[in-house]
Amino acid sequence: MKTDAVYVLVAFVAVGMEMACVRGEERPGMCPKVPQGVFGSCVEMCSGDESCPQRMKCCSNGCGHISGTPIYPTCVRQALCWS
């Protein structure tokens, strides 16, 4: 029983380390907000911005992730902008 728990724990650590290595540099822009109650397909079509075509970002669709066109918020005053 304890051996099974150790194997499961090792599997989670291995997957977490793999996902940490996959994360690359984030591209500029923001992903569009997913409207509340909207769920896309639960498929992981990307694993980070670098896995998407040029100028696209890896964005949540409410369940999975897809490559999408980023949005660039406009600011009236720089003090009100966020990065």
PDB file of N, CA and C in Angstrom:
ATOM      1  N   MET A   1       0.829  -1.196   0.000  1.00  0.00           N
ATOM      2  CA  MET A   1       0.000   0.000   0.000  1.00  0.00           C
ATOM      3  C   MET A   1       0.877   1.265   0.000  1.00  0.00           C
ATOM      4  N   LYS A   2       1.868   1.295   0.882  1.00  0.00           N
ATOM      5  CA  LYS A   2       2.743   2.463   0.940  1.00  0.00           C
ATOM      6  C   LYS A   2       3.561   2.587  -0.339  1.00  0.00           C
ATOM      7  N   THR A   3       3.944   1.456  -0.916  1.00  0.00           N
ATOM      8  CA  THR A   3       4.721   1.474  -2.149  1.00  0.00           C
ATOM      9  C   THR A   3       3.921   2.107  -3.276  1.00  0.00           C
ATOM     10  N   ASP A   4       2.628   1.787  -3.355  1.00  0.00           N
ATOM     11  CA  ASP A   4       1.767   2.377  -4.382  1.00  0.00           C
ATOM     12  C   ASP A   4       1.693   3.891  -4.222  1.00  0.00           C
ATOM     13  N   ALA A   5       1.572   4.340  -2.984  1.00  0.00           N
ATOM     14  CA  ALA A   5       1.499   5.780  -2.724  1.00  0.00           C
ATOM     15  C   ALA A   5       2.795   6.468  -3.146  1.00  0.00           C
ATOM     16  N   VAL A   6       3.923   5.828  -2.899  1.00  0.00           N
ATOM     17  CA  VAL A   6       5.215   6.396  -3.287  1.00  0.00           C
ATOM     18  C   VAL A   6       5.310   6.498  -4.806  1.00  0.00           C
ATOM     19  N   TYR A   7       4.866   5.462  -5.521  1.00  0.00           N
ATOM     20  CA  TYR A   7       4.892   5.498  -6.985  1.00  0.00           C
ATOM     21  C   TYR A   7       4.020   6.625  -7.531  1.00  0.00           C
ATOM     22  N   VAL A   8       2.855   6.808  -6.940  1.00  0.00           N
ATOM     23  CA  VAL A   8       1.961   7.883  -7.378  1.00  0.00           C
ATOM     24  C   VAL A   8       2.615   9.235  -7.125  1.00  0.00           C
ATOM     25  N   LEU A   9       3.227   9.398  -5.959  1.00  0.00           N
ATOM     26  CA  LEU A   9       3.898  10.650  -5.627  1.00  0.00           C
ATOM     27  C   LEU A   9       5.039  10.936  -6.597  1.00  0.00           C
ATOM     28  N   VAL A  10       5.835   9.930  -6.906  1.00  0.00           N
ATOM     29  CA  VAL A  10       6.946  10.093  -7.846  1.00  0.00           C
ATOM     30  C   VAL A  10       6.419  10.487  -9.221  1.00  0.00           C
ATOM     31  N   ALA A  11       5.298   9.888  -9.633  1.00  0.00           N
ATOM     32  CA  ALA A  11       4.705  10.227 -10.928  1.00  0.00           C
ATOM     33  C   ALA A  11       4.281  11.693 -10.960  1.00  0.00           C
ATOM     34  N   PHE A  12       3.653  12.173  -9.885  1.00  0.00           N
ATOM     35  CA  PHE A  12       3.232  13.574  -9.831  1.00  0.00           C
ATOM     36  C   PHE A  12       4.439  14.512  -9.884  1.00  0.00           C
ATOM     37  N   VAL A  13       5.492  14.185  -9.174  1.00  0.00           N
ATOM     38  CA  VAL A  13       6.694  15.019  -9.179  1.00  0.00           C
ATOM     39  C   VAL A  13       7.311  15.044 -10.574  1.00  0.00           C
ATOM     40  N   ALA A  14       7.373  13.886 -11.216  1.00  0.00           N
ATOM     41  CA  ALA A  14       7.954  13.816 -12.561  1.00  0.00           C
ATOM     42  C   ALA A  14       7.157  14.651 -13.550  1.00  0.00           C
ATOM     43  N   VAL A  15       5.834  14.570 -13.489  1.00  0.00           N
ATOM     44  CA  VAL A  15       4.982  15.353 -14.392  1.00  0.00           C
ATOM     45  C   VAL A  15       5.151  16.838 -14.103  1.00  0.00           C
ATOM     46  N   GLY A  16       5.205  17.213 -12.841  1.00  0.00           N
ATOM     47  CA  GLY A  16       5.393  18.613 -12.475  1.00  0.00           C
ATOM     48  C   GLY A  16       6.713  19.163 -12.968  1.00  0.00           C
ATOM     49  N   MET A  17       7.773  18.369 -12.873  1.00  0.00           N
ATOM     50  CA  MET A  17       9.080  18.814 -13.360  1.00  0.00           C
ATOM     51  C   MET A  17       9.072  18.963 -14.870  1.00  0.00           C
ATOM     52  N   GLU A  18       8.399  18.053 -15.558  1.00  0.00           N
ATOM     53  CA  GLU A  18       8.318  18.136 -17.019  1.00  0.00           C
ATOM     54  C   GLU A  18       7.568  19.393 -17.432  1.00  0.00           C
ATOM     55  N   MET A  19       6.478  19.693 -16.738  1.00  0.00           N
ATOM     56  CA  MET A  19       5.701  20.883 -17.075  1.00  0.00           C
ATOM     57  C   MET A  19       6.502  22.147 -16.783  1.00  0.00           C
ATOM     58  N   ALA A  20       7.300  22.154 -15.725  1.00  0.00           N
ATOM     59  CA  ALA A  20       8.117  23.320 -15.407  1.00  0.00           C
ATOM     60  C   ALA A  20       9.164  23.550 -16.484  1.00  0.00           C
ATOM     61  N   CYS A  21       9.692  22.489 -17.046  1.00  0.00           N
ATOM     62  CA  CYS A  21      10.693  22.618 -18.103  1.00  0.00           C
ATOM     63  C   CYS A  21      10.075  23.106 -19.405  1.00  0.00           C
ATOM     64  N   VAL A  22       8.803  22.817 -19.612  1.00  0.00           N
ATOM     65  CA  VAL A  22       8.131  23.200 -20.852  1.00  0.00           C
ATOM     66  C   VAL A  22       7.871  24.698 -20.884  1.00  0.00           C
ATOM     67  N   ARG A  23       7.639  25.294 -19.729  1.00  0.00           N
ATOM     68  CA  ARG A  23       7.334  26.713 -19.671  1.00  0.00           C
ATOM     69  C   ARG A  23       8.488  27.526 -20.229  1.00  0.00           C
ATOM     70  N   GLY A  24       8.207  28.340 -21.213  1.00  0.00           N
ATOM     71  CA  GLY A  24       9.234  29.182 -21.803  1.00  0.00           C
ATOM     72  C   GLY A  24       8.899  30.635 -21.559  1.00  0.00           C
ATOM     73  N   GLU A  25       9.413  31.475 -22.421  1.00  0.00           N
ATOM     74  CA  GLU A  25       9.172  32.900 -22.298  1.00  0.00           C
ATOM     75  C   GLU A  25       7.750  33.225 -22.732  1.00  0.00           C
ATOM     76  N   GLU A  26       7.105  34.059 -21.951  1.00  0.00           N
ATOM     77  CA  GLU A  26       5.733  34.447 -22.256  1.00  0.00           C
ATOM     78  C   GLU A  26       5.735  35.554 -23.305  1.00  0.00           C
ATOM     79  N   ARG A  27       4.850  35.448 -24.267  1.00  0.00           N
ATOM     80  CA  ARG A  27       4.742  36.457 -25.324  1.00  0.00           C
ATOM     81  C   ARG A  27       3.920  37.643 -24.831  1.00  0.00           C
ATOM     82  N   PRO A  28       4.098  38.804 -25.459  1.00  0.00           N
ATOM     83  CA  PRO A  28       3.352  39.990 -25.024  1.00  0.00           C
ATOM     84  C   PRO A  28       1.861  39.854 -25.303  1.00  0.00           C
ATOM     85  N   GLY A  29       1.096  40.665 -24.607  1.00  0.00           N
ATOM     86  CA  GLY A  29      -0.352  40.649 -24.774  1.00  0.00           C
ATOM     87  C   GLY A  29      -1.017  39.813 -23.700  1.00  0.00           C
ATOM     88  N   MET A  30      -2.335  39.821 -23.721  1.00  0.00           N
ATOM     89  CA  MET A  30      -3.123  39.071 -22.747  1.00  0.00           C
ATOM     90  C   MET A  30      -4.101  38.168 -23.478  1.00  0.00           C
ATOM     91  N   CYS A  31      -4.437  37.077 -22.837  1.00  0.00           N
ATOM     92  CA  CYS A  31      -5.471  36.205 -23.392  1.00  0.00           C
ATOM     93  C   CYS A  31      -6.831  36.831 -23.120  1.00  0.00           C
ATOM     94  N   PRO A  32      -7.767  36.699 -24.061  1.00  0.00           N
ATOM     95  CA  PRO A  32      -9.111  37.211 -23.811  1.00  0.00           C
ATOM     96  C   PRO A  32      -9.747  36.474 -22.636  1.00  0.00           C
ATOM     97  N   LYS A  33     -10.565  37.182 -21.878  1.00  0.00           N
ATOM     98  CA  LYS A  33     -11.267  36.544 -20.759  1.00  0.00           C
ATOM     99  C   LYS A  33     -12.306  35.573 -21.298  1.00  0.00           C
ATOM    100  N   VAL A  34     -12.423  34.445 -20.629  1.00  0.00           N
ATOM    101  CA  VAL A  34     -13.433  33.453 -20.996  1.00  0.00           C
ATOM    102  C   VAL A  34     -14.713  33.836 -20.262  1.00  0.00           C
ATOM    103  N   PRO A  35     -15.819  34.044 -20.986  1.00  0.00           N
ATOM    104  CA  PRO A  35     -17.070  34.407 -20.318  1.00  0.00           C
ATOM    105  C   PRO A  35     -17.480  33.345 -19.299  1.00  0.00           C
ATOM    106  N   GLN A  36     -18.035  33.796 -18.185  1.00  0.00           N
ATOM    107  CA  GLN A  36     -18.456  32.870 -17.138  1.00  0.00           C
ATOM    108  C   GLN A  36     -19.505  31.899 -17.675  1.00  0.00           C
ATOM    109  N   GLY A  37     -19.333  30.640 -17.365  1.00  0.00           N
ATOM    110  CA  GLY A  37     -20.270  29.615 -17.815  1.00  0.00           C
ATOM    111  C   GLY A  37     -19.957  29.049 -19.187  1.00  0.00           C
ATOM    112  N   VAL A  38     -18.917  29.578 -19.840  1.00  0.00           N
ATOM    113  CA  VAL A  38     -18.531  29.086 -21.166  1.00  0.00           C
ATOM    114  C   VAL A  38     -17.372  28.107 -21.001  1.00  0.00           C
ATOM    115  N   PHE A  39     -17.494  26.958 -21.634  1.00  0.00           N
ATOM    116  CA  PHE A  39     -16.445  25.943 -21.572  1.00  0.00           C
ATOM    117  C   PHE A  39     -16.137  25.473 -22.975  1.00  0.00           C
ATOM    118  N   GLY A  40     -14.868  25.516 -23.339  1.00  0.00           N
ATOM    119  CA  GLY A  40     -14.433  25.000 -24.632  1.00  0.00           C
ATOM    120  C   GLY A  40     -14.141  23.519 -24.510  1.00  0.00           C
ATOM    121  N   SER A  41     -13.544  22.970 -25.542  1.00  0.00           N
ATOM    122  CA  SER A  41     -13.196  21.553 -25.497  1.00  0.00           C
ATOM    123  C   SER A  41     -12.088  21.342 -24.466  1.00  0.00           C
ATOM    124  N   CYS A  42     -12.165  20.252 -23.749  1.00  0.00           N
ATOM    125  CA  CYS A  42     -11.194  19.946 -22.691  1.00  0.00           C
ATOM    126  C   CYS A  42      -9.983  19.235 -23.279  1.00  0.00           C
ATOM    127  N   VAL A  43      -9.339  19.900 -24.235  1.00  0.00           N
ATOM    128  CA  VAL A  43      -8.174  19.351 -24.920  1.00  0.00           C
ATOM    129  C   VAL A  43      -7.040  20.358 -24.788  1.00  0.00           C
ATOM    130  N   GLU A  44      -5.861  19.869 -24.496  1.00  0.00           N
ATOM    131  CA  GLU A  44      -4.681  20.727 -24.390  1.00  0.00           C
ATOM    132  C   GLU A  44      -4.022  20.818 -25.764  1.00  0.00           C
ATOM    133  N   MET A  45      -4.322  21.888 -26.509  1.00  0.00           N
ATOM    134  CA  MET A  45      -3.765  22.078 -27.853  1.00  0.00           C
ATOM    135  C   MET A  45      -2.423  22.815 -27.818  1.00  0.00           C
ATOM    136  N   CYS A  46      -2.054  23.366 -26.652  1.00  0.00           N
ATOM    137  CA  CYS A  46      -0.763  24.031 -26.498  1.00  0.00           C
ATOM    138  C   CYS A  46      -0.322  23.883 -25.049  1.00  0.00           C
ATOM    139  N   SER A  47       0.970  24.070 -24.819  1.00  0.00           N
ATOM    140  CA  SER A  47       1.493  23.913 -23.461  1.00  0.00           C
ATOM    141  C   SER A  47       2.246  25.160 -22.999  1.00  0.00           C
ATOM    142  N   GLY A  48       2.114  26.239 -23.708  1.00  0.00           N
ATOM    143  CA  GLY A  48       2.780  27.499 -23.401  1.00  0.00           C
ATOM    144  C   GLY A  48       2.846  28.326 -24.666  1.00  0.00           C
ATOM    145  N   ASP A  49       3.134  29.607 -24.522  1.00  0.00           N
ATOM    146  CA  ASP A  49       3.154  30.502 -25.683  1.00  0.00           C
ATOM    147  C   ASP A  49       4.105  30.019 -26.773  1.00  0.00           C
ATOM    148  N   GLU A  50       5.241  29.437 -26.366  1.00  0.00           N
ATOM    149  CA  GLU A  50       6.228  29.005 -27.359  1.00  0.00           C
ATOM    150  C   GLU A  50       5.739  27.831 -28.198  1.00  0.00           C
ATOM    151  N   SER A  51       4.678  27.156 -27.770  1.00  0.00           N
ATOM    152  CA  SER A  51       4.147  26.035 -28.554  1.00  0.00           C
ATOM    153  C   SER A  51       3.088  26.491 -29.558  1.00  0.00           C
ATOM    154  N   CYS A  52       2.820  27.794 -29.597  1.00  0.00           N
ATOM    155  CA  CYS A  52       1.831  28.353 -30.527  1.00  0.00           C
ATOM    156  C   CYS A  52       2.533  28.997 -31.720  1.00  0.00           C
ATOM    157  N   PRO A  53       1.798  29.166 -32.837  1.00  0.00           N
ATOM    158  CA  PRO A  53       2.374  29.879 -33.990  1.00  0.00           C
ATOM    159  C   PRO A  53       2.767  31.304 -33.596  1.00  0.00           C
ATOM    160  N   GLN A  54       3.569  31.931 -34.436  1.00  0.00           N
ATOM    161  CA  GLN A  54       4.054  33.291 -34.167  1.00  0.00           C
ATOM    162  C   GLN A  54       2.929  34.227 -33.754  1.00  0.00           C
ATOM    163  N   ARG A  55       3.249  35.075 -32.792  1.00  0.00           N
ATOM    164  CA  ARG A  55       2.357  36.132 -32.295  1.00  0.00           C
ATOM    165  C   ARG A  55       1.089  35.615 -31.627  1.00  0.00           C
ATOM    166  N   MET A  56       0.964  34.336 -31.380  1.00  0.00           N
ATOM    167  CA  MET A  56      -0.215  33.804 -30.689  1.00  0.00           C
ATOM    168  C   MET A  56       0.187  33.386 -29.280  1.00  0.00           C
ATOM    169  N   LYS A  57      -0.802  33.316 -28.392  1.00  0.00           N
ATOM    170  CA  LYS A  57      -0.579  32.922 -27.005  1.00  0.00           C
ATOM    171  C   LYS A  57      -1.370  31.659 -26.698  1.00  0.00           C
ATOM    172  N   CYS A  58      -0.893  30.910 -25.738  1.00  0.00           N
ATOM    173  CA  CYS A  58      -1.601  29.725 -25.268  1.00  0.00           C
ATOM    174  C   CYS A  58      -2.611  30.195 -24.220  1.00  0.00           C
ATOM    175  N   CYS A  59      -3.894  30.110 -24.554  1.00  0.00           N
ATOM    176  CA  CYS A  59      -4.948  30.669 -23.709  1.00  0.00           C
ATOM    177  C   CYS A  59      -5.945  29.596 -23.279  1.00  0.00           C
ATOM    178  N   SER A  60      -6.510  29.792 -22.102  1.00  0.00           N
ATOM    179  CA  SER A  60      -7.555  28.893 -21.615  1.00  0.00           C
ATOM    180  C   SER A  60      -8.830  29.133 -22.412  1.00  0.00           C
ATOM    181  N   ASN A  61      -9.561  28.061 -22.678  1.00  0.00           N
ATOM    182  CA  ASN A  61     -10.861  28.197 -23.334  1.00  0.00           C
ATOM    183  C   ASN A  61     -11.982  27.828 -22.366  1.00  0.00           C
ATOM    184  N   GLY A  62     -11.659  27.771 -21.086  1.00  0.00           N
ATOM    185  CA  GLY A  62     -12.636  27.425 -20.075  1.00  0.00           C
ATOM    186  C   GLY A  62     -12.477  26.006 -19.567  1.00  0.00           C
ATOM    187  N   CYS A  63     -11.769  25.185 -20.305  1.00  0.00           N
ATOM    188  CA  CYS A  63     -11.505  23.809 -19.873  1.00  0.00           C
ATOM    189  C   CYS A  63     -10.095  23.388 -20.273  1.00  0.00           C
ATOM    190  N   GLY A  64      -9.755  23.517 -21.553  1.00  0.00           N
ATOM    191  CA  GLY A  64      -8.419  23.173 -22.050  1.00  0.00           C
ATOM    192  C   GLY A  64      -7.661  24.434 -22.422  1.00  0.00           C
ATOM    193  N   HIS A  65      -6.676  24.299 -23.291  1.00  0.00           N
ATOM    194  CA  HIS A  65      -5.891  25.441 -23.768  1.00  0.00           C
ATOM    195  C   HIS A  65      -5.762  25.385 -25.279  1.00  0.00           C
ATOM    196  N   ILE A  66      -5.869  26.557 -25.912  1.00  0.00           N
ATOM    197  CA  ILE A  66      -5.751  26.673 -27.366  1.00  0.00           C
ATOM    198  C   ILE A  66      -4.854  27.859 -27.700  1.00  0.00           C
ATOM    199  N   SER A  67      -4.289  27.878 -28.894  1.00  0.00           N
ATOM    200  CA  SER A  67      -3.523  29.035 -29.358  1.00  0.00           C
ATOM    201  C   SER A  67      -4.517  30.100 -29.804  1.00  0.00           C
ATOM    202  N   GLY A  68      -4.381  31.303 -29.258  1.00  0.00           N
ATOM    203  CA  GLY A  68      -5.312  32.369 -29.593  1.00  0.00           C
ATOM    204  C   GLY A  68      -4.598  33.678 -29.855  1.00  0.00           C
ATOM    205  N   THR A  69      -5.312  34.593 -30.470  1.00  0.00           N
ATOM    206  CA  THR A  69      -4.771  35.919 -30.756  1.00  0.00           C
ATOM    207  C   THR A  69      -4.807  36.749 -29.477  1.00  0.00           C
ATOM    208  N   PRO A  70      -3.664  37.294 -29.050  1.00  0.00           N
ATOM    209  CA  PRO A  70      -3.652  38.084 -27.819  1.00  0.00           C
ATOM    210  C   PRO A  70      -4.339  39.429 -28.008  1.00  0.00           C
ATOM    211  N   ILE A  71      -4.766  39.982 -26.899  1.00  0.00           N
ATOM    212  CA  ILE A  71      -5.321  41.332 -26.906  1.00  0.00           C
ATOM    213  C   ILE A  71      -4.312  42.241 -26.216  1.00  0.00           C
ATOM    214  N   TYR A  72      -4.308  43.489 -26.615  1.00  0.00           N
ATOM    215  CA  TYR A  72      -3.396  44.471 -26.049  1.00  0.00           C
ATOM    216  C   TYR A  72      -4.241  45.588 -25.461  1.00  0.00           C
ATOM    217  N   PRO A  73      -4.370  45.620 -24.122  1.00  0.00           N
ATOM    218  CA  PRO A  73      -5.211  46.644 -23.500  1.00  0.00           C
ATOM    219  C   PRO A  73      -4.672  48.042 -23.779  1.00  0.00           C
ATOM    220  N   THR A  74      -5.579  48.967 -23.987  1.00  0.00           N
ATOM    221  CA  THR A  74      -5.180  50.358 -24.185  1.00  0.00           C
ATOM    222  C   THR A  74      -5.397  51.103 -22.878  1.00  0.00           C
ATOM    223  N   CYS A  75      -4.561  52.066 -22.626  1.00  0.00           N
ATOM    224  CA  CYS A  75      -4.617  52.799 -21.371  1.00  0.00           C
ATOM    225  C   CYS A  75      -4.856  54.276 -21.637  1.00  0.00           C
ATOM    226  N   VAL A  76      -5.675  54.871 -20.790  1.00  0.00           N
ATOM    227  CA  VAL A  76      -5.890  56.307 -20.866  1.00  0.00           C
ATOM    228  C   VAL A  76      -4.708  57.006 -20.206  1.00  0.00           C
ATOM    229  N   ARG A  77      -4.319  56.509 -19.030  1.00  0.00           N
ATOM    230  CA  ARG A  77      -3.161  57.049 -18.316  1.00  0.00           C
ATOM    231  C   ARG A  77      -2.262  55.888 -17.931  1.00  0.00           C
ATOM    232  N   GLN A  78      -0.963  56.057 -18.074  1.00  0.00           N
ATOM    233  CA  GLN A  78      -0.001  54.990 -17.795  1.00  0.00           C
ATOM    234  C   GLN A  78      -0.128  54.481 -16.363  1.00  0.00           C
ATOM    235  N   ALA A  79      -0.484  55.358 -15.418  1.00  0.00           N
ATOM    236  CA  ALA A  79      -0.595  54.957 -14.015  1.00  0.00           C
ATOM    237  C   ALA A  79      -1.698  53.918 -13.812  1.00  0.00           C
ATOM    238  N   LEU A  80      -2.679  53.887 -14.710  1.00  0.00           N
ATOM    239  CA  LEU A  80      -3.785  52.944 -14.568  1.00  0.00           C
ATOM    240  C   LEU A  80      -3.513  51.621 -15.277  1.00  0.00           C
ATOM    241  N   CYS A  81      -2.405  51.538 -15.992  1.00  0.00           N
ATOM    242  CA  CYS A  81      -2.096  50.328 -16.750  1.00  0.00           C
ATOM    243  C   CYS A  81      -1.448  49.291 -15.855  1.00  0.00           C
ATOM    244  N   TRP A  82      -1.576  48.052 -16.257  1.00  0.00           N
ATOM    245  CA  TRP A  82      -0.904  46.966 -15.569  1.00  0.00           C
ATOM    246  C   TRP A  82      -0.040  46.237 -16.580  1.00  0.00           C
ATOM    247  N   SER A  83       0.927  45.530 -16.077  1.00  0.00           N
ATOM    248  CA  SER A  83       1.810  44.814 -16.999  1.00  0.00           C
ATOM    249  C   SER A  83       1.457  43.352 -17.029  1.00  0.00           C
TER     250      SER A  83
END
